[in-house]
Protein backbone atom coordinates (compact mmCIF):
# COMPACT_ATOMS: atom_id res chain seq x y z
CA MET A 1 -18.47 45.36 -137.03
CA ARG A 2 -18.93 42.02 -138.80
CA LEU A 3 -16.79 39.02 -137.92
CA ALA A 4 -13.83 38.57 -140.22
CA GLY A 5 -14.21 35.75 -142.70
CA PRO A 6 -11.47 33.58 -144.18
CA ALA A 7 -11.07 35.92 -147.14
CA LEU A 8 -10.52 38.88 -144.82
CA LEU A 9 -7.89 37.02 -142.80
CA LEU A 10 -6.12 36.01 -145.99
CA CYS A 11 -6.11 39.58 -147.25
CA LEU A 12 -4.78 40.89 -143.95
CA VAL A 13 -1.92 38.39 -143.98
CA LEU A 14 -1.20 38.54 -147.72
CA ARG A 15 -2.49 41.99 -148.57
CA VAL A 16 -0.37 42.44 -151.69
CA ALA A 17 -1.46 39.15 -153.30
CA CYS A 18 -5.11 39.72 -152.37
CA ALA A 19 -7.09 40.73 -155.45
CA LEU A 20 -9.71 42.96 -153.84
CA PRO A 21 -11.74 45.31 -155.98
CA THR A 22 -10.42 48.90 -155.90
CA GLY A 23 -11.69 50.78 -152.89
CA LEU A 24 -13.23 47.74 -151.19
CA HIS A 25 -12.70 47.67 -147.42
CA PRO A 26 -10.81 44.58 -146.23
CA GLU A 27 -13.64 43.89 -143.79
CA ASP A 28 -15.91 43.47 -146.84
CA ALA A 29 -13.70 40.77 -148.35
CA ASP A 30 -16.22 38.13 -147.27
CA LEU A 31 -18.68 39.65 -149.78
CA LEU A 32 -16.62 37.95 -152.47
CA VAL A 33 -18.10 34.50 -153.01
CA GLY A 34 -16.20 32.74 -155.74
CA ARG A 35 -16.79 34.75 -158.91
CA SER A 36 -19.80 36.47 -157.40
CA PHE A 37 -20.30 39.50 -155.15
CA LYS A 38 -22.92 39.59 -152.43
CA CYS A 39 -24.37 43.04 -151.62
CA ARG A 40 -23.64 44.15 -148.08
CA ASP A 41 -27.35 44.32 -147.23
CA GLY A 42 -27.76 40.70 -148.41
CA GLN A 43 -30.58 41.48 -150.82
CA LYS A 44 -28.73 40.63 -154.01
CA THR A 45 -25.80 38.66 -155.39
CA ILE A 46 -24.23 39.84 -158.63
CA PRO A 47 -21.41 38.61 -160.88
CA LEU A 48 -17.99 39.84 -159.80
CA LYS A 49 -17.48 41.55 -163.14
CA LEU A 50 -20.27 44.03 -162.29
CA VAL A 51 -18.26 45.43 -159.34
CA ASN A 52 -16.83 48.91 -160.12
CA ASP A 53 -18.52 48.95 -163.56
CA ASP A 54 -19.71 52.50 -162.90
CA TYR A 55 -23.28 51.29 -162.41
CA CYS A 56 -24.98 50.96 -159.05
CA ASP A 57 -26.35 47.40 -158.85
CA CYS A 58 -26.66 47.09 -155.05
CA VAL A 59 -29.12 49.36 -153.26
CA ASP A 60 -26.55 50.03 -150.52
CA GLY A 61 -23.89 51.02 -153.10
CA SER A 62 -21.46 48.38 -151.84
CA ASP A 63 -20.69 47.14 -155.41
CA GLU A 64 -19.21 50.50 -156.52
CA PRO A 65 -16.53 51.37 -153.94
CA GLY A 66 -14.07 52.46 -156.61
CA THR A 67 -16.40 54.68 -158.68
CA SER A 68 -18.71 57.59 -158.06
CA ALA A 69 -21.76 55.78 -159.49
CA CYS A 70 -23.48 55.30 -156.09
CA HIS A 71 -24.22 58.26 -153.81
CA ASN A 72 -23.99 56.06 -150.72
CA GLY A 73 -20.83 54.14 -151.54
CA ASN A 74 -17.49 54.35 -149.64
CA PHE A 75 -13.90 54.21 -150.88
CA TYR A 76 -11.25 52.66 -148.64
CA CYS A 77 -7.86 54.44 -148.45
CA ARG A 78 -5.13 52.07 -147.29
CA ASN A 79 -2.74 54.96 -146.42
CA LEU A 80 0.23 52.75 -145.59
CA GLY A 81 2.46 54.48 -143.06
CA HIS A 82 -0.46 56.49 -141.71
CA VAL A 83 -4.03 55.80 -140.63
CA ALA A 84 -6.42 54.04 -143.02
CA ALA A 85 -9.58 55.96 -143.85
CA SER A 86 -12.82 55.74 -145.77
CA ILE A 87 -14.17 58.55 -147.93
CA PRO A 88 -17.47 58.87 -149.83
CA SER A 89 -17.17 57.24 -153.25
CA LEU A 90 -18.47 60.47 -154.81
CA MET A 91 -14.99 61.91 -154.12
CA VAL A 92 -13.24 59.22 -156.21
CA ASN A 93 -11.56 60.44 -159.39
CA ASP A 94 -12.76 64.02 -158.89
CA GLY A 95 -9.31 65.55 -159.44
CA VAL A 96 -8.67 66.16 -155.71
CA CYS A 97 -6.28 64.04 -153.72
CA ASP A 98 -8.32 62.99 -150.69
CA CYS A 99 -6.30 59.96 -149.60
CA CYS A 100 -2.74 60.64 -148.44
CA ASP A 101 -1.51 57.80 -150.67
CA GLY A 102 -3.41 59.27 -153.70
CA SER A 103 -5.25 56.00 -154.36
CA ASP A 104 -8.60 57.78 -154.81
CA GLU A 105 -7.37 59.40 -158.06
CA TYR A 106 -6.25 56.20 -159.78
CA ALA A 107 -8.11 56.91 -163.07
CA THR A 108 -7.24 60.60 -163.53
CA SER A 109 -4.22 62.52 -164.70
CA GLN A 110 -3.89 64.10 -161.26
CA GLN A 111 -0.49 63.25 -159.86
CA CYS A 112 -1.00 62.74 -156.11
CA SER A 113 2.06 62.53 -153.90
CA ASN A 114 2.14 59.89 -151.22
CA THR A 115 2.37 61.88 -147.97
CA CYS A 116 1.27 59.07 -145.64
CA ILE A 117 4.74 58.45 -144.18
CA GLU A 118 5.27 62.15 -143.44
CA MET A 119 1.77 62.55 -142.03
CA GLY A 120 2.24 59.38 -139.98
CA ALA A 121 5.49 60.75 -138.56
CA HIS A 122 3.77 64.01 -137.62
CA GLN A 123 0.90 62.13 -136.07
CA ARG A 124 3.22 59.86 -134.11
CA GLU A 125 5.13 62.90 -132.87
CA ALA A 126 1.89 64.53 -131.83
CA LEU A 127 0.82 61.35 -130.07
CA LYS A 128 4.21 61.16 -128.36
CA ARG A 129 3.85 64.74 -127.11
CA GLU A 130 0.32 64.01 -125.97
CA LEU A 131 1.55 60.92 -124.14
CA GLU A 132 4.31 62.91 -122.46
CA GLU A 133 1.85 65.61 -121.47
CA LYS A 134 -0.54 63.04 -120.06
CA THR A 135 2.32 61.33 -118.24
CA GLU A 136 3.38 64.66 -116.73
CA ALA A 137 -0.21 65.42 -115.85
CA LEU A 138 -0.50 62.05 -114.13
CA ARG A 139 2.73 62.73 -112.24
CA LYS A 140 1.46 66.11 -111.07
CA ARG A 141 -1.84 64.54 -110.19
CA SER A 142 -0.05 61.96 -108.07
CA GLU A 143 1.88 64.75 -106.33
CA LEU A 144 -1.34 66.66 -105.69
CA VAL A 145 -3.00 63.52 -104.35
CA ALA A 146 -0.03 62.95 -102.03
CA LEU A 147 -0.17 66.58 -100.88
CA ALA A 148 -3.91 66.31 -100.37
CA LYS A 149 -3.47 63.18 -98.27
CA ALA A 150 -0.73 64.84 -96.24
CA GLY A 151 -2.88 67.93 -95.81
CA ARG A 152 -5.80 65.80 -94.76
CA ALA A 153 -3.68 63.96 -92.22
CA ALA A 154 -2.35 67.30 -90.93
CA SER A 155 -5.89 68.67 -90.73
CA GLN A 156 -7.04 65.62 -88.80
CA GLN A 157 -4.10 65.99 -86.41
CA GLU A 158 -4.85 69.68 -86.02
CA LEU A 159 -8.47 68.81 -85.31
CA LEU A 160 -7.34 66.36 -82.64
CA ASP A 161 -5.04 69.02 -81.15
CA VAL A 162 -7.87 71.56 -81.10
CA ALA A 163 -10.16 68.99 -79.45
CA ALA A 164 -7.49 68.32 -76.81
CA GLN A 165 -7.04 72.06 -76.23
CA LEU A 166 -10.80 72.46 -75.90
CA GLU A 167 -10.95 69.66 -73.37
CA ASP A 168 -8.07 71.25 -71.43
CA ALA A 169 -9.82 74.63 -71.53
CA ARG A 170 -12.99 73.03 -70.20
CA ALA A 171 -10.99 71.43 -67.39
CA ARG A 172 -9.40 74.79 -66.55
CA GLN A 173 -12.82 76.42 -66.64
CA THR A 174 -14.14 73.83 -64.19
CA ALA A 175 -11.15 74.41 -61.91
CA LEU A 176 -11.63 78.18 -62.10
CA GLN A 177 -15.32 77.79 -61.33
CA GLU A 178 -14.43 75.71 -58.28
CA SER A 179 -11.97 78.43 -57.22
CA VAL A 180 -14.68 81.06 -57.65
CA ASP A 181 -17.06 78.97 -55.55
CA GLU A 182 -14.41 78.65 -52.84
CA LEU A 183 -13.82 82.42 -52.93
CA ASP A 184 -17.56 83.01 -52.64
CA LYS A 185 -17.72 80.70 -49.65
CA ALA A 186 -14.72 82.44 -48.06
CA ALA A 187 -16.32 85.84 -48.66
CA GLU A 188 -19.53 84.60 -47.05
CA ARG A 189 -17.60 83.34 -44.03
CA THR A 190 -15.76 86.67 -43.78
CA ARG A 191 -19.05 88.54 -43.92
CA LYS A 192 -20.52 86.41 -41.15
CA LEU A 193 -17.36 86.84 -39.06
CA GLN A 194 -17.61 90.61 -39.44
CA ASN A 195 -21.29 90.51 -38.45
CA LEU A 196 -20.50 88.47 -35.34
CA GLU A 197 -17.65 90.80 -34.39
CA GLN A 198 -19.92 93.79 -34.81
CA ARG A 199 -22.60 92.08 -32.72
CA LEU A 200 -20.13 91.45 -29.90
CA LYS A 201 -19.05 95.09 -30.02
CA ASP A 202 -22.68 96.23 -29.97
CA LEU A 203 -23.44 94.00 -26.97
CA GLU A 204 -20.39 95.32 -25.08
CA LYS A 205 -21.34 98.92 -25.92
CA ALA A 206 -24.93 98.39 -24.74
CA ARG A 207 -23.73 96.92 -21.43
CA ALA A 208 -21.31 99.82 -20.92
CA GLU A 209 -24.15 102.28 -21.52
CA ARG A 210 -26.37 100.48 -18.98
CA LEU A 211 -23.61 100.65 -16.39
CA ALA A 212 -22.92 104.32 -17.09
CA ASN A 213 -26.59 105.37 -17.07
CA PRO A 214 -28.49 103.44 -14.34
CA ALA A 215 -32.32 103.70 -14.31
CA PRO A 216 -33.90 106.32 -11.82
CA HIS A 217 -35.29 104.87 -8.51
CA ALA A 218 -38.80 105.43 -7.14
CA SER A 219 -38.12 105.82 -3.36
CA SER A 220 -35.38 106.88 -0.99
CA GLU A 221 -35.10 103.33 0.31
CA GLU A 222 -34.47 102.21 -3.16
CA ASP A 223 -31.94 105.07 -3.52
CA THR A 224 -30.18 103.88 -0.39
CA ALA A 225 -30.19 100.34 -1.65
CA ALA A 226 -28.96 101.55 -4.97
CA ALA A 227 -26.14 103.47 -3.29
CA THR A 228 -24.94 100.25 -1.75
CA PRO A 229 -22.84 98.33 -4.24
CA GLN A 230 -24.80 95.30 -5.32
CA PRO A 231 -23.38 92.42 -7.27
CA GLU A 232 -24.75 92.35 -10.66
CA ASN A 233 -26.71 89.40 -11.98
CA PRO A 234 -24.15 86.96 -13.34
CA ALA A 235 -26.62 85.85 -15.93
CA SER A 236 -27.09 89.45 -17.19
CA GLU A 237 -23.35 90.10 -17.04
CA SER A 238 -22.56 87.14 -19.19
CA SER A 239 -25.65 87.23 -21.38
CA GLY A 240 -24.06 89.20 -24.23
CA VAL A 241 -20.93 87.12 -24.21
CA SER A 242 -22.87 83.87 -23.90
CA GLU A 243 -25.22 84.91 -26.66
CA GLY A 244 -22.26 85.81 -28.90
CA LYS A 245 -20.63 82.52 -28.06
CA GLU A 246 -23.80 80.61 -28.97
CA ASP A 247 -23.92 82.47 -32.29
CA VAL A 248 -20.34 81.47 -32.98
CA LEU A 249 -20.98 77.84 -32.11
CA ASP A 250 -24.13 77.79 -34.25
CA TYR A 251 -22.24 79.00 -37.31
CA TYR A 252 -18.99 77.14 -36.69
CA PRO A 253 -19.58 73.57 -35.53
CA GLU A 254 -16.88 71.60 -33.81
CA ASP A 255 -15.52 70.10 -37.02
CA ASP A 256 -15.12 73.48 -38.78
CA ASP A 257 -11.88 75.37 -39.42
CA GLU A 258 -9.67 75.47 -36.31
CA ASP A 259 -8.42 78.97 -37.19
CA ASN A 260 -11.98 80.31 -37.01
CA ALA A 261 -12.52 78.66 -33.63
CA ARG A 262 -9.32 80.14 -32.23
CA HIS A 263 -10.27 83.54 -33.64
CA PHE A 264 -13.61 83.55 -31.81
CA ALA A 265 -11.99 82.30 -28.62
CA ARG A 266 -9.69 85.32 -28.77
CA LEU A 267 -12.69 87.61 -29.38
CA LYS A 268 -14.44 86.17 -26.32
CA ALA A 269 -11.34 86.47 -24.16
CA ASP A 270 -10.78 90.07 -25.27
CA ALA A 271 -14.39 90.98 -24.52
CA LEU A 272 -14.25 89.40 -21.04
CA GLU A 273 -10.94 91.07 -20.26
CA ALA A 274 -12.28 94.47 -21.33
CA ARG A 275 -15.33 94.01 -19.08
CA ARG A 276 -13.22 93.00 -16.08
CA SER A 277 -10.89 95.97 -16.67
CA ARG A 278 -13.80 98.40 -16.62
CA LEU A 279 -15.20 96.79 -13.47
CA ARG A 280 -11.82 96.99 -11.75
CA ASN A 281 -11.48 100.65 -12.68
CA ARG A 282 -14.85 101.25 -10.98
CA ASN A 283 -13.94 99.07 -7.97
CA GLU A 284 -16.87 96.82 -8.77
CA PRO A 285 -16.74 93.07 -8.25
CA ASP A 286 -17.02 90.79 -11.24
CA PRO A 287 -20.14 88.60 -10.87
CA LEU A 288 -18.48 85.92 -12.94
CA ASP A 289 -15.51 85.83 -10.52
CA GLN A 290 -17.92 85.67 -7.50
CA GLU A 291 -19.76 82.84 -9.15
CA ASP A 292 -16.49 80.97 -9.58
CA GLU A 293 -15.57 81.54 -5.88
CA GLU A 294 -18.96 80.28 -4.68
CA ARG A 295 -18.61 77.25 -6.93
CA TRP A 296 -15.18 76.50 -5.41
CA ALA A 297 -16.50 77.09 -1.86
CA ASP A 298 -19.34 74.60 -2.37
């Protein structure tokens, strides 16, 4: 768009008093130079009286805005009360009302009604509705944005909650794994306890079988000696118990569970008492008791 010249500013302020050629756009008012007209393309300057003379003097058709002489000319519709417009100059005075103010049919008998005010009112109403719709759309958009932000904040909080729950689940899993390890250790201790108990029973059973079934003797002297009650070897008598006790001490050091230590002490005491009871029933002396008496005598 060209810069507005003094003539254009004057026509915009005093449009009624401005003597512009019919159909000339106000922005082309600076083409009027005194009593001359300068073609829009700047190639030619013609006398003002040749404007709208129904002959195309300018190559760009700018000198015939109010006639249909030039195929490339344009007619300016002022359309007061509505929106100004430009139409091809070929449509001027063709018997059809193209401008809402009817100014394009100024030289014909066609009576054009001025509908610019009515059309302007309709257009303004349409623009008002469009503005209201856009305002409502912006309001809804703002609500959706607020909901989206709230949903995002809720999602972030939910994510944090899930992360906390996951961390808690991992902690519980670690605690459960530690409990499982403790149970495995307890089961292993129980298994070893059972093995030691069974070993003590087997040792006591083997000793009872040796006492019940003595080995055959080779000579009568040996039979006579065998008939005489002989004290049994204290080391052999106490070997099974001592061996069981060493096994217990090997598996359970001094700083281990006191309950386990007391349990094995009871096992040892029960085994010794059972042996002494069997020896008393057979009227046989207990080598361990004899060893204690000799120790006290010394």
